[in-house]
Amino acid sequence: MKFREFLEHQIQKGKIEWESRSELIRASGSKVNGNTNKILKEFENKFKFGSITEIKNKEIYKYFKLQPKNSYISVEGAVKIINKNLPKKAQISETIIYNRLGDPKFNTNNLKGQTLDNQVSKTEKYNIKVPDLFKEKLRVLRKPGIYLYLETTQSGNTTLRLKTSDEYGNLDKSFPPNEDSIKTIKKLII
């Protein structure tokens, strides 16, 4: 079997993890030389070289480097993103992310895992200024059977409230007061 065919066959079988490039070349029965290295270079992005731990660490480190310094990351979300770039046999769990977050040599961006304790409070009052232009857009959408207004919630926050008659689906929904909400409301009432 030619080396190129061997590589294609390995990819089809899902055997893409190898300790080294030379190990892969030797497994094909070929000799390590300029020609085999040149052919392997064409397929290199399809294979993962190094021990499983090295492969995992490489992907985790790459993910960590993309995050802003001193930020909080969703560990569950990080696992999903990193696992997309790892072979099925090398999938990671949340535990390894927590371990790497605790390693200052590995976690050079000083990232922290996001927990309920360090998230911004969802119930704390926030101030929002609603521009007159936004209020005008709300007025334009109002008509008989469609009631659209800004409402102050019990916690003192501002929300956009949509209530409609039976003719428009008998809706009673609240939205954040932003442009995306207006687009969503337009779809609901048309």
N, C-alpha and C. Protein backbone atom coordinates (compact mmCIF):
# COMPACT_ATOMS: atom_id res chain seq x y z
N MET A 1 0.84 -1.18 0.00
CA MET A 1 0.00 0.00 0.00
C MET A 1 0.89 1.24 0.00
N LYS A 2 0.59 2.17 -0.86
CA LYS A 2 1.36 3.40 -0.93
C LYS A 2 1.09 4.25 0.32
N PHE A 3 2.06 5.09 0.65
CA PHE A 3 1.96 5.88 1.87
C PHE A 3 0.74 6.79 1.87
N ARG A 4 0.45 7.44 0.75
CA ARG A 4 -0.71 8.33 0.65
C ARG A 4 -2.01 7.55 0.93
N GLU A 5 -2.12 6.35 0.33
CA GLU A 5 -3.31 5.51 0.54
C GLU A 5 -3.41 5.08 2.00
N PHE A 6 -2.25 4.77 2.60
CA PHE A 6 -2.21 4.38 4.01
C PHE A 6 -2.77 5.51 4.88
N LEU A 7 -2.36 6.75 4.61
CA LEU A 7 -2.83 7.90 5.39
C LEU A 7 -4.35 8.08 5.23
N GLU A 8 -4.83 7.98 4.00
CA GLU A 8 -6.27 8.12 3.75
C GLU A 8 -7.04 7.03 4.48
N HIS A 9 -6.50 5.80 4.48
CA HIS A 9 -7.14 4.67 5.16
C HIS A 9 -7.19 4.91 6.68
N GLN A 10 -6.11 5.44 7.25
CA GLN A 10 -6.08 5.73 8.69
C GLN A 10 -7.12 6.78 9.06
N ILE A 11 -7.27 7.78 8.20
CA ILE A 11 -8.25 8.84 8.45
C ILE A 11 -9.67 8.26 8.40
N GLN A 12 -9.93 7.42 7.42
CA GLN A 12 -11.25 6.78 7.29
C GLN A 12 -11.57 5.93 8.51
N LYS A 13 -10.57 5.24 9.04
CA LYS A 13 -10.76 4.38 10.22
C LYS A 13 -10.85 5.20 11.51
N GLY A 14 -10.50 6.46 11.44
CA GLY A 14 -10.53 7.32 12.62
C GLY A 14 -9.29 7.19 13.48
N LYS A 15 -8.27 6.54 12.96
CA LYS A 15 -7.02 6.38 13.72
C LYS A 15 -6.13 7.57 13.40
N ILE A 16 -6.40 8.67 14.08
CA ILE A 16 -5.71 9.92 13.77
C ILE A 16 -4.77 10.38 14.88
N GLU A 17 -4.68 9.63 15.98
CA GLU A 17 -3.80 10.01 17.09
C GLU A 17 -2.54 9.16 17.04
N TRP A 18 -1.39 9.84 16.96
CA TRP A 18 -0.10 9.16 16.89
C TRP A 18 0.87 9.89 17.80
N GLU A 19 1.78 9.12 18.39
CA GLU A 19 2.78 9.72 19.27
C GLU A 19 3.66 10.70 18.51
N SER A 20 4.03 10.35 17.27
CA SER A 20 4.90 11.22 16.49
C SER A 20 4.67 10.99 15.00
N ARG A 21 5.20 11.88 14.20
CA ARG A 21 5.09 11.76 12.74
C ARG A 21 5.86 10.53 12.26
N SER A 22 7.04 10.32 12.83
CA SER A 22 7.86 9.17 12.40
C SER A 22 7.18 7.85 12.76
N GLU A 23 6.46 7.79 13.88
CA GLU A 23 5.74 6.57 14.24
C GLU A 23 4.68 6.26 13.18
N LEU A 24 3.98 7.28 12.71
CA LEU A 24 2.96 7.10 11.67
C LEU A 24 3.60 6.62 10.36
N ILE A 25 4.71 7.22 9.99
CA ILE A 25 5.39 6.83 8.75
C ILE A 25 5.86 5.38 8.84
N ARG A 26 6.47 5.01 9.97
CA ARG A 26 6.97 3.63 10.14
C ARG A 26 5.83 2.61 10.16
N ALA A 27 4.67 3.01 10.73
CA ALA A 27 3.53 2.08 10.79
C ALA A 27 3.05 1.72 9.39
N SER A 28 3.32 2.58 8.42
CA SER A 28 2.90 2.30 7.05
C SER A 28 3.86 1.36 6.34
N GLY A 29 5.01 1.10 6.96
CA GLY A 29 6.03 0.28 6.33
C GLY A 29 6.98 1.10 5.48
N SER A 30 6.81 2.41 5.50
CA SER A 30 7.68 3.31 4.72
C SER A 30 8.84 3.77 5.58
N LYS A 31 9.82 4.33 4.93
CA LYS A 31 10.97 4.90 5.63
C LYS A 31 10.75 6.39 5.82
N VAL A 32 11.30 6.89 6.92
CA VAL A 32 11.23 8.33 7.18
C VAL A 32 12.24 9.01 6.28
N ASN A 33 11.75 9.78 5.32
CA ASN A 33 12.64 10.51 4.42
C ASN A 33 11.90 11.76 3.93
N GLY A 34 12.53 12.51 3.09
CA GLY A 34 11.96 13.75 2.59
C GLY A 34 10.64 13.55 1.87
N ASN A 35 10.53 12.48 1.08
CA ASN A 35 9.31 12.23 0.32
C ASN A 35 8.12 11.91 1.23
N THR A 36 8.34 11.01 2.23
CA THR A 36 7.23 10.66 3.13
C THR A 36 6.84 11.85 3.99
N ASN A 37 7.82 12.64 4.40
CA ASN A 37 7.51 13.85 5.18
C ASN A 37 6.71 14.85 4.36
N LYS A 38 7.04 14.95 3.08
CA LYS A 38 6.32 15.87 2.18
C LYS A 38 4.87 15.42 2.02
N ILE A 39 4.65 14.12 1.84
CA ILE A 39 3.29 13.59 1.70
C ILE A 39 2.52 13.78 3.00
N LEU A 40 3.16 13.49 4.13
CA LEU A 40 2.51 13.64 5.43
C LEU A 40 2.11 15.09 5.68
N LYS A 41 2.92 16.02 5.21
CA LYS A 41 2.62 17.45 5.40
C LYS A 41 1.26 17.82 4.79
N GLU A 42 0.88 17.16 3.67
CA GLU A 42 -0.41 17.42 3.03
C GLU A 42 -1.58 17.00 3.93
N PHE A 43 -1.37 15.98 4.75
CA PHE A 43 -2.43 15.42 5.60
C PHE A 43 -2.29 15.82 7.06
N GLU A 44 -1.28 16.61 7.37
CA GLU A 44 -0.91 16.89 8.75
C GLU A 44 -2.05 17.43 9.62
N ASN A 45 -2.90 18.27 9.04
CA ASN A 45 -3.99 18.84 9.84
C ASN A 45 -5.09 17.83 10.17
N LYS A 46 -5.04 16.68 9.57
CA LYS A 46 -6.03 15.62 9.85
C LYS A 46 -5.60 14.72 11.00
N PHE A 47 -4.33 14.81 11.41
CA PHE A 47 -3.78 13.95 12.46
C PHE A 47 -3.42 14.77 13.68
N LYS A 48 -3.44 14.11 14.84
CA LYS A 48 -3.02 14.71 16.09
C LYS A 48 -1.78 13.95 16.55
N PHE A 49 -0.68 14.67 16.77
CA PHE A 49 0.56 14.04 17.17
C PHE A 49 0.89 14.39 18.61
N GLY A 50 1.42 13.43 19.35
CA GLY A 50 1.78 13.60 20.75
C GLY A 50 0.92 12.71 21.61
N SER A 51 1.24 12.66 22.89
CA SER A 51 0.44 11.83 23.79
C SER A 51 -0.94 12.47 23.95
N ILE A 52 -1.90 11.70 24.39
CA ILE A 52 -3.26 12.21 24.57
C ILE A 52 -3.26 13.43 25.49
N THR A 53 -2.50 13.37 26.56
CA THR A 53 -2.44 14.50 27.50
C THR A 53 -1.88 15.74 26.81
N GLU A 54 -0.84 15.56 26.00
CA GLU A 54 -0.28 16.70 25.27
C GLU A 54 -1.30 17.30 24.31
N ILE A 55 -2.05 16.44 23.65
CA ILE A 55 -3.07 16.90 22.70
C ILE A 55 -4.14 17.70 23.43
N LYS A 56 -4.61 17.18 24.57
CA LYS A 56 -5.62 17.88 25.37
C LYS A 56 -5.08 19.23 25.85
N ASN A 57 -3.86 19.20 26.40
CA ASN A 57 -3.27 20.43 26.93
C ASN A 57 -3.11 21.49 25.85
N LYS A 58 -2.72 21.06 24.67
CA LYS A 58 -2.52 21.99 23.56
C LYS A 58 -3.83 22.71 23.22
N GLU A 59 -4.94 21.97 23.16
CA GLU A 59 -6.25 22.58 22.84
C GLU A 59 -6.75 23.47 23.97
N ILE A 60 -6.55 23.03 25.22
CA ILE A 60 -6.98 23.84 26.36
C ILE A 60 -6.18 25.14 26.40
N TYR A 61 -4.87 25.02 26.22
CA TYR A 61 -4.00 26.20 26.24
C TYR A 61 -4.39 27.18 25.13
N LYS A 62 -4.69 26.65 23.95
CA LYS A 62 -5.11 27.48 22.83
C LYS A 62 -6.39 28.24 23.19
N TYR A 63 -7.35 27.55 23.82
CA TYR A 63 -8.61 28.18 24.24
C TYR A 63 -8.34 29.26 25.29
N PHE A 64 -7.51 28.94 26.29
CA PHE A 64 -7.20 29.90 27.35
C PHE A 64 -6.56 31.16 26.78
N LYS A 65 -5.67 31.03 25.81
CA LYS A 65 -4.97 32.18 25.24
C LYS A 65 -5.92 33.12 24.50
N LEU A 66 -7.04 32.59 24.01
CA LEU A 66 -8.01 33.42 23.28
C LEU A 66 -8.90 34.25 24.21
N GLN A 67 -8.89 33.93 25.51
CA GLN A 67 -9.77 34.61 26.46
C GLN A 67 -9.10 35.87 27.00
N PRO A 68 -9.90 36.91 27.29
CA PRO A 68 -9.33 38.14 27.86
C PRO A 68 -8.72 37.88 29.24
N LYS A 69 -7.62 38.57 29.54
CA LYS A 69 -6.96 38.40 30.84
C LYS A 69 -7.92 38.71 31.99
N ASN A 70 -7.78 37.96 33.07
CA ASN A 70 -8.53 38.13 34.31
C ASN A 70 -10.04 37.99 34.14
N SER A 71 -10.48 37.26 33.14
CA SER A 71 -11.92 37.11 32.91
C SER A 71 -12.44 35.80 33.50
N TYR A 72 -13.74 35.70 33.56
CA TYR A 72 -14.41 34.48 34.00
C TYR A 72 -14.83 33.70 32.77
N ILE A 73 -14.66 32.39 32.81
CA ILE A 73 -15.09 31.56 31.69
C ILE A 73 -16.11 30.54 32.17
N SER A 74 -17.01 30.20 31.30
CA SER A 74 -17.97 29.13 31.56
C SER A 74 -17.22 27.83 31.33
N VAL A 75 -17.00 27.06 32.38
CA VAL A 75 -16.25 25.82 32.26
C VAL A 75 -16.99 24.84 31.36
N GLU A 76 -18.29 24.76 31.53
CA GLU A 76 -19.10 23.85 30.70
C GLU A 76 -19.02 24.26 29.23
N GLY A 77 -19.09 25.54 28.95
CA GLY A 77 -18.98 26.03 27.59
C GLY A 77 -17.60 25.78 27.01
N ALA A 78 -16.56 25.97 27.84
CA ALA A 78 -15.18 25.73 27.38
C ALA A 78 -15.00 24.27 26.97
N VAL A 79 -15.56 23.36 27.76
CA VAL A 79 -15.45 21.92 27.46
C VAL A 79 -16.08 21.63 26.09
N LYS A 80 -17.25 22.19 25.84
CA LYS A 80 -17.92 21.95 24.55
C LYS A 80 -17.09 22.46 23.37
N ILE A 81 -16.55 23.66 23.52
CA ILE A 81 -15.77 24.26 22.44
C ILE A 81 -14.47 23.47 22.20
N ILE A 82 -13.78 23.14 23.28
CA ILE A 82 -12.50 22.43 23.16
C ILE A 82 -12.72 21.03 22.59
N ASN A 83 -13.78 20.35 23.03
CA ASN A 83 -14.04 18.99 22.55
C ASN A 83 -14.31 18.93 21.05
N LYS A 84 -14.78 20.03 20.47
CA LYS A 84 -15.00 20.07 19.01
C LYS A 84 -13.68 19.89 18.25
N ASN A 85 -12.58 20.32 18.88
CA ASN A 85 -11.27 20.26 18.23
C ASN A 85 -10.46 19.03 18.62
N LEU A 86 -11.04 18.17 19.46
CA LEU A 86 -10.33 16.98 19.92
C LEU A 86 -10.92 15.72 19.31
N PRO A 87 -10.09 14.68 19.11
CA PRO A 87 -10.62 13.40 18.63
C PRO A 87 -11.57 12.80 19.67
N LYS A 88 -12.45 11.93 19.23
CA LYS A 88 -13.45 11.33 20.13
C LYS A 88 -12.81 10.62 21.32
N LYS A 89 -11.67 9.99 21.11
CA LYS A 89 -11.01 9.24 22.19
C LYS A 89 -10.30 10.16 23.18
N ALA A 90 -10.18 11.43 22.86
CA ALA A 90 -9.44 12.36 23.71
C ALA A 90 -10.34 13.45 24.29
N GLN A 91 -11.64 13.22 24.39
CA GLN A 91 -12.56 14.23 24.90
C GLN A 91 -12.25 14.55 26.37
N ILE A 92 -12.47 15.80 26.75
CA ILE A 92 -12.17 16.24 28.12
C ILE A 92 -13.46 16.45 28.91
N SER A 93 -13.30 16.60 30.22
CA SER A 93 -14.44 16.89 31.09
C SER A 93 -14.16 18.21 31.82
N GLU A 94 -15.08 18.64 32.63
CA GLU A 94 -14.93 19.91 33.35
C GLU A 94 -13.78 19.84 34.35
N THR A 95 -13.51 18.66 34.89
CA THR A 95 -12.47 18.51 35.90
C THR A 95 -11.11 18.97 35.41
N ILE A 96 -10.74 18.60 34.20
CA ILE A 96 -9.43 18.99 33.67
C ILE A 96 -9.35 20.51 33.47
N ILE A 97 -10.47 21.14 33.12
CA ILE A 97 -10.47 22.60 32.97
C ILE A 97 -10.22 23.26 34.33
N TYR A 98 -10.92 22.78 35.37
CA TYR A 98 -10.70 23.33 36.71
C TYR A 98 -9.25 23.13 37.15
N ASN A 99 -8.67 21.96 36.85
CA ASN A 99 -7.27 21.70 37.19
C ASN A 99 -6.34 22.67 36.47
N ARG A 100 -6.58 22.91 35.20
CA ARG A 100 -5.71 23.80 34.43
C ARG A 100 -5.91 25.25 34.85
N LEU A 101 -7.13 25.62 35.26
CA LEU A 101 -7.36 26.98 35.76
C LEU A 101 -6.55 27.23 37.04
N GLY A 102 -6.35 26.18 37.83
CA GLY A 102 -5.61 26.30 39.08
C GLY A 102 -4.10 26.26 38.90
N ASP A 103 -3.61 26.03 37.71
CA ASP A 103 -2.18 25.94 37.44
C ASP A 103 -1.70 27.26 36.84
N PRO A 104 -0.99 28.12 37.64
CA PRO A 104 -0.58 29.43 37.13
C PRO A 104 0.39 29.36 35.95
N LYS A 105 1.14 28.27 35.83
CA LYS A 105 2.05 28.14 34.69
C LYS A 105 1.25 27.89 33.41
N PHE A 106 0.12 27.24 33.55
CA PHE A 106 -0.73 26.91 32.40
C PHE A 106 -1.73 28.04 32.12
N ASN A 107 -2.29 28.59 33.19
CA ASN A 107 -3.32 29.63 33.10
C ASN A 107 -2.65 31.01 33.15
N THR A 108 -1.97 31.38 32.08
CA THR A 108 -1.21 32.63 32.07
C THR A 108 -2.10 33.87 31.97
N ASN A 109 -3.35 33.72 31.57
CA ASN A 109 -4.27 34.86 31.48
C ASN A 109 -5.04 35.09 32.77
N ASN A 110 -4.72 34.32 33.82
CA ASN A 110 -5.37 34.45 35.12
C ASN A 110 -6.89 34.33 35.01
N LEU A 111 -7.36 33.32 34.30
CA LEU A 111 -8.79 33.09 34.11
C LEU A 111 -9.38 32.44 35.35
N LYS A 112 -10.68 32.60 35.52
CA LYS A 112 -11.38 31.98 36.64
C LYS A 112 -12.63 31.30 36.11
N GLY A 113 -13.01 30.20 36.74
CA GLY A 113 -14.24 29.51 36.36
C GLY A 113 -15.44 30.29 36.85
N GLN A 114 -16.45 30.40 36.01
CA GLN A 114 -17.64 31.15 36.38
C GLN A 114 -18.54 30.29 37.27
N THR A 115 -18.98 30.86 38.37
CA THR A 115 -19.91 30.19 39.28
C THR A 115 -21.07 31.13 39.56
N LEU A 116 -22.09 30.65 40.23
CA LEU A 116 -23.21 31.52 40.58
C LEU A 116 -22.76 32.65 41.50
N ASP A 117 -21.75 32.38 42.33
CA ASP A 117 -21.29 33.40 43.27
C ASP A 117 -20.60 34.57 42.59
N ASN A 118 -19.93 34.34 41.46
CA ASN A 118 -19.20 35.44 40.86
C ASN A 118 -19.86 36.00 39.60
N GLN A 119 -21.05 35.56 39.28
CA GLN A 119 -21.78 36.15 38.17
C GLN A 119 -22.41 37.46 38.63
N VAL A 120 -22.69 38.31 37.69
CA VAL A 120 -23.41 39.55 38.01
C VAL A 120 -24.80 39.17 38.48
N SER A 121 -25.24 39.77 39.54
CA SER A 121 -26.56 39.42 40.09
C SER A 121 -27.66 39.69 39.08
N LYS A 122 -28.55 38.74 38.94
CA LYS A 122 -29.66 38.89 37.99
C LYS A 122 -30.82 39.68 38.62
N THR A 123 -30.78 39.83 39.94
CA THR A 123 -31.88 40.51 40.61
C THR A 123 -31.51 41.92 41.06
N GLU A 124 -30.25 42.29 40.94
CA GLU A 124 -29.84 43.61 41.36
C GLU A 124 -30.36 44.68 40.39
N LYS A 125 -30.72 45.80 40.93
CA LYS A 125 -31.28 46.88 40.11
C LYS A 125 -30.22 47.42 39.17
N TYR A 126 -30.60 47.68 37.94
CA TYR A 126 -29.70 48.30 36.97
C TYR A 126 -30.42 49.49 36.36
N ASN A 127 -29.63 50.49 36.02
CA ASN A 127 -30.19 51.71 35.42
C ASN A 127 -30.04 51.63 33.91
N ILE A 128 -31.12 51.99 33.23
CA ILE A 128 -31.06 52.01 31.77
C ILE A 128 -31.77 53.28 31.31
N LYS A 129 -31.12 54.01 30.42
CA LYS A 129 -31.74 55.20 29.85
C LYS A 129 -32.31 54.80 28.51
N VAL A 130 -33.59 55.02 28.34
CA VAL A 130 -34.25 54.68 27.07
C VAL A 130 -34.34 55.97 26.25
N PRO A 131 -33.66 55.99 25.10
CA PRO A 131 -33.67 57.21 24.28
C PRO A 131 -35.05 57.50 23.68
N ASP A 132 -35.28 58.76 23.39
CA ASP A 132 -36.56 59.18 22.81
C ASP A 132 -36.82 58.50 21.46
N LEU A 133 -35.77 58.27 20.68
CA LEU A 133 -35.93 57.61 19.39
C LEU A 133 -36.49 56.19 19.57
N PHE A 134 -36.04 55.51 20.62
CA PHE A 134 -36.55 54.17 20.90
C PHE A 134 -38.03 54.23 21.28
N LYS A 135 -38.38 55.21 22.11
CA LYS A 135 -39.77 55.37 22.52
C LYS A 135 -40.66 55.66 21.31
N GLU A 136 -40.14 56.41 20.35
CA GLU A 136 -40.90 56.72 19.14
C GLU A 136 -41.14 55.45 18.33
N LYS A 137 -40.15 54.57 18.27
CA LYS A 137 -40.32 53.30 17.55
C LYS A 137 -41.43 52.46 18.19
N LEU A 138 -41.55 52.55 19.50
CA LEU A 138 -42.61 51.83 20.21
C LEU A 138 -43.98 52.41 19.85
N ARG A 139 -44.07 53.74 19.81
CA ARG A 139 -45.34 54.40 19.49
C ARG A 139 -45.82 53.99 18.09
N VAL A 140 -44.90 53.87 17.15
CA VAL A 140 -45.24 53.51 15.77
C VAL A 140 -45.86 52.11 15.71
N LEU A 141 -45.40 51.22 16.56
CA LEU A 141 -45.91 49.83 16.55
C LEU A 141 -47.27 49.68 17.21
N ARG A 142 -47.65 50.63 18.04
CA ARG A 142 -48.93 50.54 18.75
C ARG A 142 -50.09 50.78 17.80
N LYS A 143 -51.15 49.99 18.00
CA LYS A 143 -52.42 50.19 17.29
C LYS A 143 -53.48 49.46 18.08
N PRO A 144 -54.75 49.63 17.75
CA PRO A 144 -55.78 48.94 18.53
C PRO A 144 -55.52 47.42 18.56
N GLY A 145 -55.46 46.88 19.75
CA GLY A 145 -55.21 45.45 19.93
C GLY A 145 -53.75 45.13 20.21
N ILE A 146 -52.87 46.11 20.06
CA ILE A 146 -51.44 45.92 20.35
C ILE A 146 -51.02 47.00 21.35
N TYR A 147 -50.72 46.57 22.56
CA TYR A 147 -50.32 47.47 23.63
C TYR A 147 -48.84 47.22 23.91
N LEU A 148 -48.03 48.23 23.69
CA LEU A 148 -46.59 48.12 23.82
C LEU A 148 -46.10 49.30 24.65
N TYR A 149 -45.47 49.00 25.79
CA TYR A 149 -45.03 50.08 26.66
C TYR A 149 -43.85 49.65 27.52
N LEU A 150 -43.18 50.65 28.09
CA LEU A 150 -42.08 50.39 29.03
C LEU A 150 -42.68 50.24 30.41
N GLU A 151 -42.19 49.28 31.14
CA GLU A 151 -42.75 48.96 32.45
C GLU A 151 -41.60 48.86 33.45
N THR A 152 -41.84 49.32 34.66
CA THR A 152 -40.86 49.18 35.73
C THR A 152 -41.24 47.94 36.54
N THR A 153 -40.28 47.02 36.66
CA THR A 153 -40.55 45.77 37.38
C THR A 153 -40.48 46.00 38.89
N GLN A 154 -40.83 44.97 39.67
CA GLN A 154 -40.79 45.08 41.13
C GLN A 154 -39.39 45.38 41.64
N SER A 155 -38.38 44.86 40.94
CA SER A 155 -37.00 45.10 41.39
C SER A 155 -36.48 46.46 40.93
N GLY A 156 -37.32 47.24 40.19
CA GLY A 156 -36.95 48.58 39.78
C GLY A 156 -36.29 48.65 38.41
N ASN A 157 -36.26 47.55 37.68
CA ASN A 157 -35.66 47.53 36.34
C ASN A 157 -36.70 47.89 35.28
N THR A 158 -36.22 48.26 34.11
CA THR A 158 -37.12 48.62 33.01
C THR A 158 -37.22 47.46 32.04
N THR A 159 -38.45 47.14 31.65
CA THR A 159 -38.69 46.08 30.68
C THR A 159 -39.67 46.58 29.63
N LEU A 160 -39.66 45.94 28.50
CA LEU A 160 -40.58 46.28 27.42
C LEU A 160 -41.71 45.27 27.45
N ARG A 161 -42.94 45.73 27.64
CA ARG A 161 -44.09 44.83 27.78
C ARG A 161 -44.96 44.88 26.53
N LEU A 162 -45.29 43.70 26.02
CA LEU A 162 -46.17 43.57 24.87
C LEU A 162 -47.41 42.79 25.30
N LYS A 163 -48.57 43.40 25.09
CA LYS A 163 -49.85 42.72 25.32
C LYS A 163 -50.67 42.89 24.06
N THR A 164 -51.32 41.81 23.64
CA THR A 164 -52.14 41.88 22.42
C THR A 164 -53.51 41.30 22.68
N SER A 165 -54.45 41.67 21.82
CA SER A 165 -55.81 41.13 21.89
C SER A 165 -55.82 39.76 21.22
N ASP A 166 -56.99 39.10 21.25
CA ASP A 166 -57.16 37.79 20.61
C ASP A 166 -56.77 37.84 19.14
N GLU A 167 -57.08 38.93 18.49
CA GLU A 167 -56.79 39.09 17.06
C GLU A 167 -55.30 38.94 16.76
N TYR A 168 -54.44 39.31 17.71
CA TYR A 168 -52.99 39.23 17.53
C TYR A 168 -52.35 38.13 18.40
N GLY A 169 -53.12 37.15 18.81
CA GLY A 169 -52.57 36.00 19.52
C GLY A 169 -52.66 36.05 21.02
N ASN A 170 -53.31 37.07 21.58
CA ASN A 170 -53.49 37.17 23.03
C ASN A 170 -52.15 37.02 23.77
N LEU A 171 -51.18 37.79 23.38
CA LEU A 171 -49.84 37.70 23.97
C LEU A 171 -49.71 38.58 25.20
N ASP A 172 -48.85 38.16 26.11
CA ASP A 172 -48.47 38.95 27.27
C ASP A 172 -47.02 38.58 27.57
N LYS A 173 -46.10 39.34 26.97
CA LYS A 173 -44.67 39.01 27.08
C LYS A 173 -43.88 40.24 27.44
N SER A 174 -42.73 39.99 28.08
CA SER A 174 -41.81 41.09 28.34
C SER A 174 -40.49 40.83 27.62
N PHE A 175 -39.82 41.91 27.26
CA PHE A 175 -38.58 41.86 26.50
C PHE A 175 -37.60 42.88 27.08
N PRO A 176 -36.31 42.66 26.86
CA PRO A 176 -35.36 43.71 27.23
C PRO A 176 -35.58 44.92 26.32
N PRO A 177 -35.43 46.12 26.83
CA PRO A 177 -35.67 47.31 26.00
C PRO A 177 -34.50 47.58 25.05
N ASN A 178 -34.47 46.86 23.91
CA ASN A 178 -33.40 47.07 22.94
C ASN A 178 -33.93 46.84 21.52
N GLU A 179 -33.09 47.13 20.54
CA GLU A 179 -33.48 47.04 19.13
C GLU A 179 -33.85 45.61 18.71
N ASP A 180 -33.14 44.62 19.25
CA ASP A 180 -33.45 43.22 18.90
C ASP A 180 -34.87 42.86 19.33
N SER A 181 -35.29 43.40 20.47
CA SER A 181 -36.66 43.13 20.95
C SER A 181 -37.69 43.71 19.99
N ILE A 182 -37.41 44.88 19.48
CA ILE A 182 -38.35 45.50 18.52
C ILE A 182 -38.49 44.61 17.28
N LYS A 183 -37.36 44.08 16.79
CA LYS A 183 -37.41 43.18 15.63
C LYS A 183 -38.25 41.94 15.94
N THR A 184 -38.07 41.37 17.13
CA THR A 184 -38.82 40.18 17.52
C THR A 184 -40.29 40.49 17.62
N ILE A 185 -40.62 41.63 18.21
CA ILE A 185 -42.03 42.03 18.37
C ILE A 185 -42.69 42.23 17.01
N LYS A 186 -41.98 42.86 16.08
CA LYS A 186 -42.52 43.05 14.74
C LYS A 186 -42.90 41.71 14.11
N LYS A 187 -42.08 40.70 14.30
CA LYS A 187 -42.37 39.37 13.75
C LYS A 187 -43.60 38.77 14.42
N LEU A 188 -43.77 39.02 15.71
CA LEU A 188 -44.91 38.46 16.44
C LEU A 188 -46.24 39.08 16.04
N ILE A 189 -46.23 40.36 15.70
CA ILE A 189 -47.51 41.05 15.46
C ILE A 189 -47.87 41.16 13.99
N ILE A 190 -47.00 40.71 13.12
CA ILE A 190 -47.31 40.80 11.68
C ILE A 190 -48.02 39.55 11.23
